[in-house]
Amino acid sequence: MSLVDTAMYVLHLVFAGLWSGTVLFTSYAVIPTALDGDFQAGSLAAMTGKLKTVSRASSLLLLLSGGHLAGTLYTVPSLLGSTRGHLVLTMVALWFVLSALVEIGASKLSDGTGQQKVRQPAAEARPFLLGASVVALLLLVDAGLLLGL
């Protein structure tokens, strides 16, 4: 593996971990605290902004680094005809789903905090962010399986 490939691989893993961790933390700590009414709308809005920033930056960097790795490590036949290729394609599909779920959940939070509400937007965002947490965990499992092959 070249130095560039190694750098892309490290970048990919770091941002996958950051994105997954941010989504999991939001679902585990931020949403329940907001549901309890223990946040001010401004604080929840600030956290939502950070979630969006991490999600969008990670999504872009994973697309670029993953695209580089897929382009240098795989061919179309190997992506379509091998277990490793299927895991990579599954990862791409999960990446799209995670991006969508986080954007929808964060949008629901932003809409409510703009109206100085906390509990209602947290309740509306919760299913999307819980779904995003499941997808984030599936992505990490997929990555682990890919590394094990």
N, C-alpha and C. Protein backbone atom coordinates (compact mmCIF):
# COMPACT_ATOMS: atom_id res chain seq x y z
N MET A 1 0.85 -1.18 0.00
CA MET A 1 0.00 0.00 0.00
C MET A 1 0.89 1.24 0.00
N SER A 2 0.58 2.20 -0.87
CA SER A 2 1.39 3.41 -0.97
C SER A 2 1.13 4.33 0.22
N LEU A 3 1.98 5.34 0.35
CA LEU A 3 1.83 6.32 1.41
C LEU A 3 0.49 7.07 1.28
N VAL A 4 0.10 7.40 0.06
CA VAL A 4 -1.17 8.09 -0.18
C VAL A 4 -2.33 7.18 0.23
N ASP A 5 -2.26 5.90 -0.15
CA ASP A 5 -3.32 4.96 0.22
C ASP A 5 -3.41 4.83 1.74
N THR A 6 -2.28 4.77 2.40
CA THR A 6 -2.26 4.68 3.86
C THR A 6 -2.87 5.92 4.49
N ALA A 7 -2.53 7.09 3.97
CA ALA A 7 -3.09 8.34 4.49
C ALA A 7 -4.61 8.37 4.28
N MET A 8 -5.07 7.92 3.14
CA MET A 8 -6.51 7.89 2.86
C MET A 8 -7.21 6.91 3.80
N TYR A 9 -6.58 5.80 4.05
CA TYR A 9 -7.13 4.78 4.94
C TYR A 9 -7.25 5.33 6.37
N VAL A 10 -6.22 6.00 6.85
CA VAL A 10 -6.24 6.60 8.20
C VAL A 10 -7.31 7.68 8.26
N LEU A 11 -7.35 8.56 7.27
CA LEU A 11 -8.36 9.62 7.22
C LEU A 11 -9.76 9.01 7.23
N HIS A 12 -9.95 7.96 6.47
CA HIS A 12 -11.24 7.29 6.38
C HIS A 12 -11.66 6.74 7.75
N LEU A 13 -10.76 6.06 8.42
CA LEU A 13 -11.08 5.47 9.71
C LEU A 13 -11.31 6.52 10.80
N VAL A 14 -10.51 7.56 10.80
CA VAL A 14 -10.66 8.61 11.82
C VAL A 14 -12.02 9.29 11.68
N PHE A 15 -12.39 9.66 10.46
CA PHE A 15 -13.65 10.36 10.29
C PHE A 15 -14.85 9.43 10.40
N ALA A 16 -14.69 8.16 10.08
CA ALA A 16 -15.78 7.20 10.32
C ALA A 16 -16.04 7.08 11.82
N GLY A 17 -14.97 7.00 12.60
CA GLY A 17 -15.12 6.93 14.06
C GLY A 17 -15.70 8.20 14.64
N LEU A 18 -15.24 9.36 14.16
CA LEU A 18 -15.74 10.64 14.63
C LEU A 18 -17.23 10.79 14.33
N TRP A 19 -17.61 10.49 13.11
CA TRP A 19 -19.01 10.62 12.70
C TRP A 19 -19.90 9.66 13.51
N SER A 20 -19.49 8.41 13.58
CA SER A 20 -20.26 7.42 14.34
C SER A 20 -20.38 7.82 15.80
N GLY A 21 -19.28 8.24 16.39
CA GLY A 21 -19.28 8.63 17.80
C GLY A 21 -20.17 9.83 18.05
N THR A 22 -20.15 10.80 17.15
CA THR A 22 -20.98 11.99 17.31
C THR A 22 -22.46 11.64 17.24
N VAL A 23 -22.82 10.79 16.30
CA VAL A 23 -24.22 10.38 16.16
C VAL A 23 -24.65 9.58 17.39
N LEU A 24 -23.82 8.66 17.83
CA LEU A 24 -24.15 7.85 19.01
C LEU A 24 -24.28 8.71 20.27
N PHE A 25 -23.37 9.65 20.44
CA PHE A 25 -23.42 10.54 21.61
C PHE A 25 -24.70 11.39 21.57
N THR A 26 -25.04 11.89 20.40
CA THR A 26 -26.25 12.69 20.29
C THR A 26 -27.49 11.88 20.68
N SER A 27 -27.56 10.64 20.20
CA SER A 27 -28.70 9.79 20.53
C SER A 27 -28.71 9.38 21.99
N TYR A 28 -27.55 9.11 22.55
CA TYR A 28 -27.44 8.61 23.91
C TYR A 28 -27.55 9.70 24.97
N ALA A 29 -26.96 10.85 24.72
CA ALA A 29 -26.87 11.87 25.76
C ALA A 29 -27.66 13.14 25.46
N VAL A 30 -27.57 13.64 24.25
CA VAL A 30 -28.18 14.93 23.94
C VAL A 30 -29.70 14.82 23.86
N ILE A 31 -30.20 13.87 23.09
CA ILE A 31 -31.65 13.76 22.90
C ILE A 31 -32.37 13.47 24.22
N PRO A 32 -31.93 12.49 25.03
CA PRO A 32 -32.63 12.28 26.31
C PRO A 32 -32.59 13.50 27.23
N THR A 33 -31.49 14.22 27.24
CA THR A 33 -31.40 15.43 28.07
C THR A 33 -32.37 16.49 27.56
N ALA A 34 -32.48 16.63 26.25
CA ALA A 34 -33.44 17.58 25.67
C ALA A 34 -34.87 17.16 25.96
N LEU A 35 -35.14 15.86 25.89
CA LEU A 35 -36.49 15.36 26.19
C LEU A 35 -36.88 15.66 27.63
N ASP A 36 -35.91 15.66 28.52
CA ASP A 36 -36.16 15.99 29.92
C ASP A 36 -36.31 17.50 30.14
N GLY A 37 -36.02 18.28 29.10
CA GLY A 37 -36.13 19.73 29.21
C GLY A 37 -34.96 20.38 29.92
N ASP A 38 -33.84 19.66 29.98
CA ASP A 38 -32.67 20.17 30.71
C ASP A 38 -31.71 20.99 29.85
N PHE A 39 -32.12 21.36 28.65
CA PHE A 39 -31.34 22.22 27.76
C PHE A 39 -32.11 23.49 27.50
N GLN A 40 -31.41 24.55 27.26
CA GLN A 40 -31.99 25.76 26.69
C GLN A 40 -31.99 25.56 25.18
N ALA A 41 -32.90 26.21 24.50
CA ALA A 41 -32.97 26.07 23.04
C ALA A 41 -31.65 26.45 22.37
N GLY A 42 -31.00 27.49 22.90
CA GLY A 42 -29.73 27.92 22.31
C GLY A 42 -28.64 26.87 22.43
N SER A 43 -28.60 26.18 23.56
CA SER A 43 -27.60 25.12 23.75
C SER A 43 -27.86 23.95 22.80
N LEU A 44 -29.14 23.57 22.68
CA LEU A 44 -29.47 22.47 21.77
C LEU A 44 -29.19 22.87 20.33
N ALA A 45 -29.45 24.11 19.99
CA ALA A 45 -29.15 24.60 18.64
C ALA A 45 -27.65 24.55 18.37
N ALA A 46 -26.84 24.92 19.35
CA ALA A 46 -25.38 24.88 19.17
C ALA A 46 -24.89 23.45 18.98
N MET A 47 -25.43 22.53 19.78
CA MET A 47 -25.04 21.12 19.63
C MET A 47 -25.49 20.56 18.29
N THR A 48 -26.67 20.97 17.86
CA THR A 48 -27.18 20.52 16.56
C THR A 48 -26.28 21.04 15.44
N GLY A 49 -25.82 22.26 15.57
CA GLY A 49 -24.90 22.83 14.58
C GLY A 49 -23.60 22.04 14.50
N LYS A 50 -23.10 21.63 15.65
CA LYS A 50 -21.87 20.83 15.68
C LYS A 50 -22.11 19.45 15.07
N LEU A 51 -23.29 18.86 15.36
CA LEU A 51 -23.63 17.57 14.75
C LEU A 51 -23.65 17.70 13.23
N LYS A 52 -24.28 18.75 12.73
CA LYS A 52 -24.34 18.96 11.27
C LYS A 52 -22.94 19.14 10.69
N THR A 53 -22.11 19.92 11.36
CA THR A 53 -20.76 20.17 10.86
C THR A 53 -19.96 18.88 10.79
N VAL A 54 -19.97 18.11 11.88
CA VAL A 54 -19.23 16.84 11.89
C VAL A 54 -19.79 15.89 10.85
N SER A 55 -21.11 15.82 10.75
CA SER A 55 -21.74 14.91 9.80
C SER A 55 -21.39 15.27 8.36
N ARG A 56 -21.51 16.53 8.03
CA ARG A 56 -21.25 16.95 6.65
C ARG A 56 -19.77 16.83 6.28
N ALA A 57 -18.90 17.23 7.19
CA ALA A 57 -17.46 17.13 6.92
C ALA A 57 -17.05 15.66 6.81
N SER A 58 -17.54 14.84 7.73
CA SER A 58 -17.19 13.42 7.70
C SER A 58 -17.74 12.75 6.46
N SER A 59 -18.97 13.09 6.11
CA SER A 59 -19.58 12.51 4.92
C SER A 59 -18.75 12.82 3.68
N LEU A 60 -18.33 14.07 3.55
CA LEU A 60 -17.52 14.47 2.39
C LEU A 60 -16.16 13.78 2.41
N LEU A 61 -15.49 13.79 3.55
CA LEU A 61 -14.16 13.17 3.63
C LEU A 61 -14.23 11.66 3.43
N LEU A 62 -15.30 11.03 3.91
CA LEU A 62 -15.45 9.59 3.68
C LEU A 62 -15.72 9.30 2.21
N LEU A 63 -16.48 10.16 1.55
CA LEU A 63 -16.72 9.99 0.12
C LEU A 63 -15.41 10.09 -0.65
N LEU A 64 -14.61 11.10 -0.33
CA LEU A 64 -13.35 11.30 -1.05
C LEU A 64 -12.33 10.21 -0.75
N SER A 65 -12.14 9.91 0.53
CA SER A 65 -11.15 8.89 0.88
C SER A 65 -11.62 7.50 0.47
N GLY A 66 -12.89 7.21 0.67
CA GLY A 66 -13.42 5.91 0.25
C GLY A 66 -13.41 5.75 -1.26
N GLY A 67 -13.72 6.83 -1.96
CA GLY A 67 -13.66 6.78 -3.42
C GLY A 67 -12.24 6.50 -3.91
N HIS A 68 -11.27 7.15 -3.26
CA HIS A 68 -9.87 6.90 -3.63
C HIS A 68 -9.51 5.44 -3.37
N LEU A 69 -9.85 4.95 -2.19
CA LEU A 69 -9.49 3.56 -1.85
C LEU A 69 -10.20 2.57 -2.76
N ALA A 70 -11.48 2.79 -3.03
CA ALA A 70 -12.20 1.87 -3.91
C ALA A 70 -11.61 1.90 -5.32
N GLY A 71 -11.24 3.10 -5.76
CA GLY A 71 -10.66 3.22 -7.10
C GLY A 71 -9.30 2.59 -7.25
N THR A 72 -8.53 2.54 -6.17
CA THR A 72 -7.18 1.97 -6.26
C THR A 72 -7.11 0.51 -5.83
N LEU A 73 -8.05 0.08 -4.99
CA LEU A 73 -7.98 -1.28 -4.45
C LEU A 73 -8.94 -2.27 -5.12
N TYR A 74 -9.92 -1.75 -5.88
CA TYR A 74 -10.95 -2.62 -6.45
C TYR A 74 -11.16 -2.32 -7.92
N THR A 75 -11.67 -3.31 -8.60
CA THR A 75 -12.16 -3.16 -9.96
C THR A 75 -13.66 -3.39 -9.92
N VAL A 76 -14.36 -3.07 -10.98
CA VAL A 76 -15.81 -3.30 -11.01
C VAL A 76 -16.12 -4.78 -10.78
N PRO A 77 -15.40 -5.70 -11.46
CA PRO A 77 -15.70 -7.12 -11.20
C PRO A 77 -15.42 -7.53 -9.74
N SER A 78 -14.38 -6.98 -9.13
CA SER A 78 -14.11 -7.36 -7.74
C SER A 78 -15.13 -6.76 -6.78
N LEU A 79 -15.67 -5.59 -7.10
CA LEU A 79 -16.72 -5.00 -6.26
C LEU A 79 -18.02 -5.80 -6.37
N LEU A 80 -18.31 -6.26 -7.57
CA LEU A 80 -19.58 -6.96 -7.79
C LEU A 80 -19.50 -8.46 -7.54
N GLY A 81 -18.28 -9.01 -7.52
CA GLY A 81 -18.16 -10.46 -7.47
C GLY A 81 -17.40 -11.04 -6.30
N SER A 82 -17.19 -10.26 -5.25
CA SER A 82 -16.45 -10.80 -4.10
C SER A 82 -17.11 -10.34 -2.80
N THR A 83 -16.83 -11.06 -1.75
CA THR A 83 -17.36 -10.69 -0.43
C THR A 83 -16.85 -9.31 -0.03
N ARG A 84 -15.57 -9.05 -0.23
CA ARG A 84 -15.02 -7.73 0.10
C ARG A 84 -15.74 -6.64 -0.69
N GLY A 85 -15.96 -6.89 -1.96
CA GLY A 85 -16.65 -5.91 -2.80
C GLY A 85 -18.07 -5.66 -2.32
N HIS A 86 -18.75 -6.73 -1.92
CA HIS A 86 -20.12 -6.57 -1.42
C HIS A 86 -20.13 -5.78 -0.11
N LEU A 87 -19.13 -5.99 0.73
CA LEU A 87 -19.04 -5.22 1.98
C LEU A 87 -18.79 -3.74 1.69
N VAL A 88 -17.97 -3.45 0.68
CA VAL A 88 -17.71 -2.06 0.29
C VAL A 88 -19.00 -1.43 -0.25
N LEU A 89 -19.72 -2.14 -1.09
CA LEU A 89 -20.97 -1.59 -1.64
C LEU A 89 -22.03 -1.41 -0.55
N THR A 90 -22.05 -2.33 0.40
CA THR A 90 -22.96 -2.18 1.54
C THR A 90 -22.59 -0.94 2.34
N MET A 91 -21.30 -0.71 2.50
CA MET A 91 -20.83 0.47 3.22
C MET A 91 -21.29 1.74 2.52
N VAL A 92 -21.22 1.77 1.21
CA VAL A 92 -21.66 2.94 0.45
C VAL A 92 -23.16 3.18 0.67
N ALA A 93 -23.95 2.11 0.60
CA ALA A 93 -25.40 2.24 0.80
C ALA A 93 -25.69 2.74 2.22
N LEU A 94 -25.01 2.19 3.22
CA LEU A 94 -25.21 2.63 4.60
C LEU A 94 -24.78 4.07 4.79
N TRP A 95 -23.73 4.48 4.09
CA TRP A 95 -23.25 5.87 4.15
C TRP A 95 -24.36 6.82 3.70
N PHE A 96 -25.04 6.49 2.60
CA PHE A 96 -26.14 7.32 2.12
C PHE A 96 -27.27 7.39 3.15
N VAL A 97 -27.62 6.24 3.72
CA VAL A 97 -28.69 6.19 4.70
C VAL A 97 -28.33 7.00 5.94
N LEU A 98 -27.09 6.84 6.43
CA LEU A 98 -26.66 7.60 7.61
C LEU A 98 -26.70 9.10 7.33
N SER A 99 -26.21 9.50 6.19
CA SER A 99 -26.24 10.93 5.83
C SER A 99 -27.66 11.47 5.86
N ALA A 100 -28.58 10.73 5.26
CA ALA A 100 -29.97 11.18 5.19
C ALA A 100 -30.61 11.25 6.57
N LEU A 101 -30.42 10.22 7.38
CA LEU A 101 -31.04 10.19 8.70
C LEU A 101 -30.52 11.31 9.60
N VAL A 102 -29.22 11.57 9.56
CA VAL A 102 -28.66 12.65 10.38
C VAL A 102 -29.18 13.99 9.90
N GLU A 103 -29.23 14.21 8.60
CA GLU A 103 -29.73 15.48 8.07
C GLU A 103 -31.19 15.70 8.47
N ILE A 104 -32.01 14.67 8.38
CA ILE A 104 -33.42 14.81 8.74
C ILE A 104 -33.56 15.07 10.23
N GLY A 105 -32.86 14.28 11.05
CA GLY A 105 -32.93 14.47 12.49
C GLY A 105 -32.44 15.84 12.92
N ALA A 106 -31.32 16.27 12.37
CA ALA A 106 -30.77 17.59 12.71
C ALA A 106 -31.69 18.70 12.24
N SER A 107 -32.34 18.52 11.10
CA SER A 107 -33.28 19.52 10.59
C SER A 107 -34.47 19.66 11.54
N LYS A 108 -34.95 18.54 12.05
CA LYS A 108 -36.07 18.59 13.00
C LYS A 108 -35.66 19.31 14.28
N LEU A 109 -34.44 19.07 14.73
CA LEU A 109 -33.94 19.79 15.90
C LEU A 109 -33.83 21.28 15.63
N SER A 110 -33.27 21.63 14.49
CA SER A 110 -33.08 23.05 14.13
C SER A 110 -34.41 23.78 13.99
N ASP A 111 -35.38 23.12 13.38
CA ASP A 111 -36.69 23.74 13.20
C ASP A 111 -37.30 24.11 14.55
N GLY A 112 -37.19 23.22 15.51
CA GLY A 112 -37.78 23.47 16.82
C GLY A 112 -37.01 24.47 17.65
N THR A 113 -35.69 24.37 17.62
CA THR A 113 -34.91 25.30 18.44
C THR A 113 -35.02 26.72 17.91
N GLY A 114 -35.29 26.86 16.62
CA GLY A 114 -35.53 28.19 16.05
C GLY A 114 -36.79 28.82 16.62
N GLN A 115 -37.69 28.00 17.14
CA GLN A 115 -38.92 28.48 17.78
C GLN A 115 -38.79 28.45 19.31
N GLN A 116 -37.56 28.30 19.79
CA GLN A 116 -37.25 28.27 21.23
C GLN A 116 -37.87 27.07 21.93
N LYS A 117 -38.03 25.96 21.22
CA LYS A 117 -38.55 24.73 21.80
C LYS A 117 -37.41 23.74 21.95
N VAL A 118 -37.55 22.82 22.90
CA VAL A 118 -36.52 21.81 23.13
C VAL A 118 -37.13 20.40 23.11
N ARG A 119 -38.15 20.18 23.91
CA ARG A 119 -38.72 18.82 24.03
C ARG A 119 -39.35 18.33 22.73
N GLN A 120 -40.15 19.15 22.11
CA GLN A 120 -40.84 18.74 20.88
C GLN A 120 -39.84 18.41 19.76
N PRO A 121 -38.87 19.26 19.48
CA PRO A 121 -37.93 18.91 18.42
C PRO A 121 -37.11 17.66 18.76
N ALA A 122 -36.79 17.48 20.03
CA ALA A 122 -36.05 16.28 20.42
C ALA A 122 -36.90 15.04 20.19
N ALA A 123 -38.18 15.13 20.51
CA ALA A 123 -39.08 13.99 20.29
C ALA A 123 -39.23 13.69 18.79
N GLU A 124 -39.30 14.74 17.98
CA GLU A 124 -39.44 14.54 16.53
C GLU A 124 -38.16 14.02 15.89
N ALA A 125 -37.02 14.43 16.42
CA ALA A 125 -35.73 14.01 15.85
C ALA A 125 -35.32 12.62 16.33
N ARG A 126 -35.80 12.23 17.50
CA ARG A 126 -35.35 10.99 18.14
C ARG A 126 -35.40 9.75 17.23
N PRO A 127 -36.51 9.45 16.55
CA PRO A 127 -36.51 8.24 15.73
C PRO A 127 -35.46 8.25 14.63
N PHE A 128 -35.23 9.42 14.05
CA PHE A 128 -34.25 9.53 12.97
C PHE A 128 -32.83 9.36 13.50
N LEU A 129 -32.56 9.93 14.66
CA LEU A 129 -31.22 9.82 15.23
C LEU A 129 -30.97 8.44 15.83
N LEU A 130 -32.02 7.80 16.35
CA LEU A 130 -31.85 6.40 16.79
C LEU A 130 -31.57 5.51 15.59
N GLY A 131 -32.30 5.75 14.50
CA GLY A 131 -32.03 5.00 13.26
C GLY A 131 -30.62 5.26 12.76
N ALA A 132 -30.19 6.51 12.85
CA ALA A 132 -28.82 6.85 12.43
C ALA A 132 -27.80 6.13 13.30
N SER A 133 -28.10 5.99 14.59
CA SER A 133 -27.19 5.28 15.49
C SER A 133 -27.05 3.81 15.10
N VAL A 134 -28.17 3.20 14.75
CA VAL A 134 -28.13 1.80 14.31
C VAL A 134 -27.31 1.68 13.03
N VAL A 135 -27.52 2.60 12.10
CA VAL A 135 -26.77 2.57 10.84
C VAL A 135 -25.28 2.82 11.10
N ALA A 136 -24.96 3.74 12.01
CA ALA A 136 -23.55 4.00 12.34
C ALA A 136 -22.90 2.74 12.89
N LEU A 137 -23.61 2.03 13.76
CA LEU A 137 -23.07 0.78 14.30
C LEU A 137 -22.91 -0.27 13.20
N LEU A 138 -23.88 -0.35 12.30
CA LEU A 138 -23.77 -1.29 11.17
C LEU A 138 -22.57 -0.96 10.28
N LEU A 139 -22.31 0.33 10.09
CA LEU A 139 -21.13 0.73 9.31
C LEU A 139 -19.84 0.27 9.99
N LEU A 140 -19.78 0.42 11.31
CA LEU A 140 -18.58 -0.02 12.03
C LEU A 140 -18.43 -1.54 11.98
N VAL A 141 -19.54 -2.26 12.08
CA VAL A 141 -19.49 -3.72 11.95
C VAL A 141 -19.03 -4.10 10.55
N ASP A 142 -19.58 -3.44 9.54
CA ASP A 142 -19.18 -3.68 8.16
C ASP A 142 -17.67 -3.45 7.99
N ALA A 143 -17.17 -2.36 8.55
CA ALA A 143 -15.73 -2.06 8.46
C ALA A 143 -14.92 -3.14 9.14
N GLY A 144 -15.39 -3.60 10.30
CA GLY A 144 -14.67 -4.67 11.00
C GLY A 144 -14.64 -5.95 10.18
N LEU A 145 -15.76 -6.29 9.57
CA LEU A 145 -15.81 -7.48 8.70
C LEU A 145 -14.86 -7.32 7.51
N LEU A 146 -14.84 -6.13 6.96
CA LEU A 146 -13.96 -5.86 5.82
C LEU A 146 -12.50 -6.00 6.21
N LEU A 147 -12.15 -5.55 7.41
CA LEU A 147 -10.77 -5.66 7.88
C LEU A 147 -10.40 -7.12 8.18
N GLY A 148 -11.41 -7.92 8.56
CA GLY A 148 -11.16 -9.31 8.91
C GLY A 148 -10.94 -10.22 7.71
N LEU A 149 -11.29 -9.74 6.52
CA LEU A 149 -11.14 -10.59 5.32
C LEU A 149 -9.78 -10.46 4.71
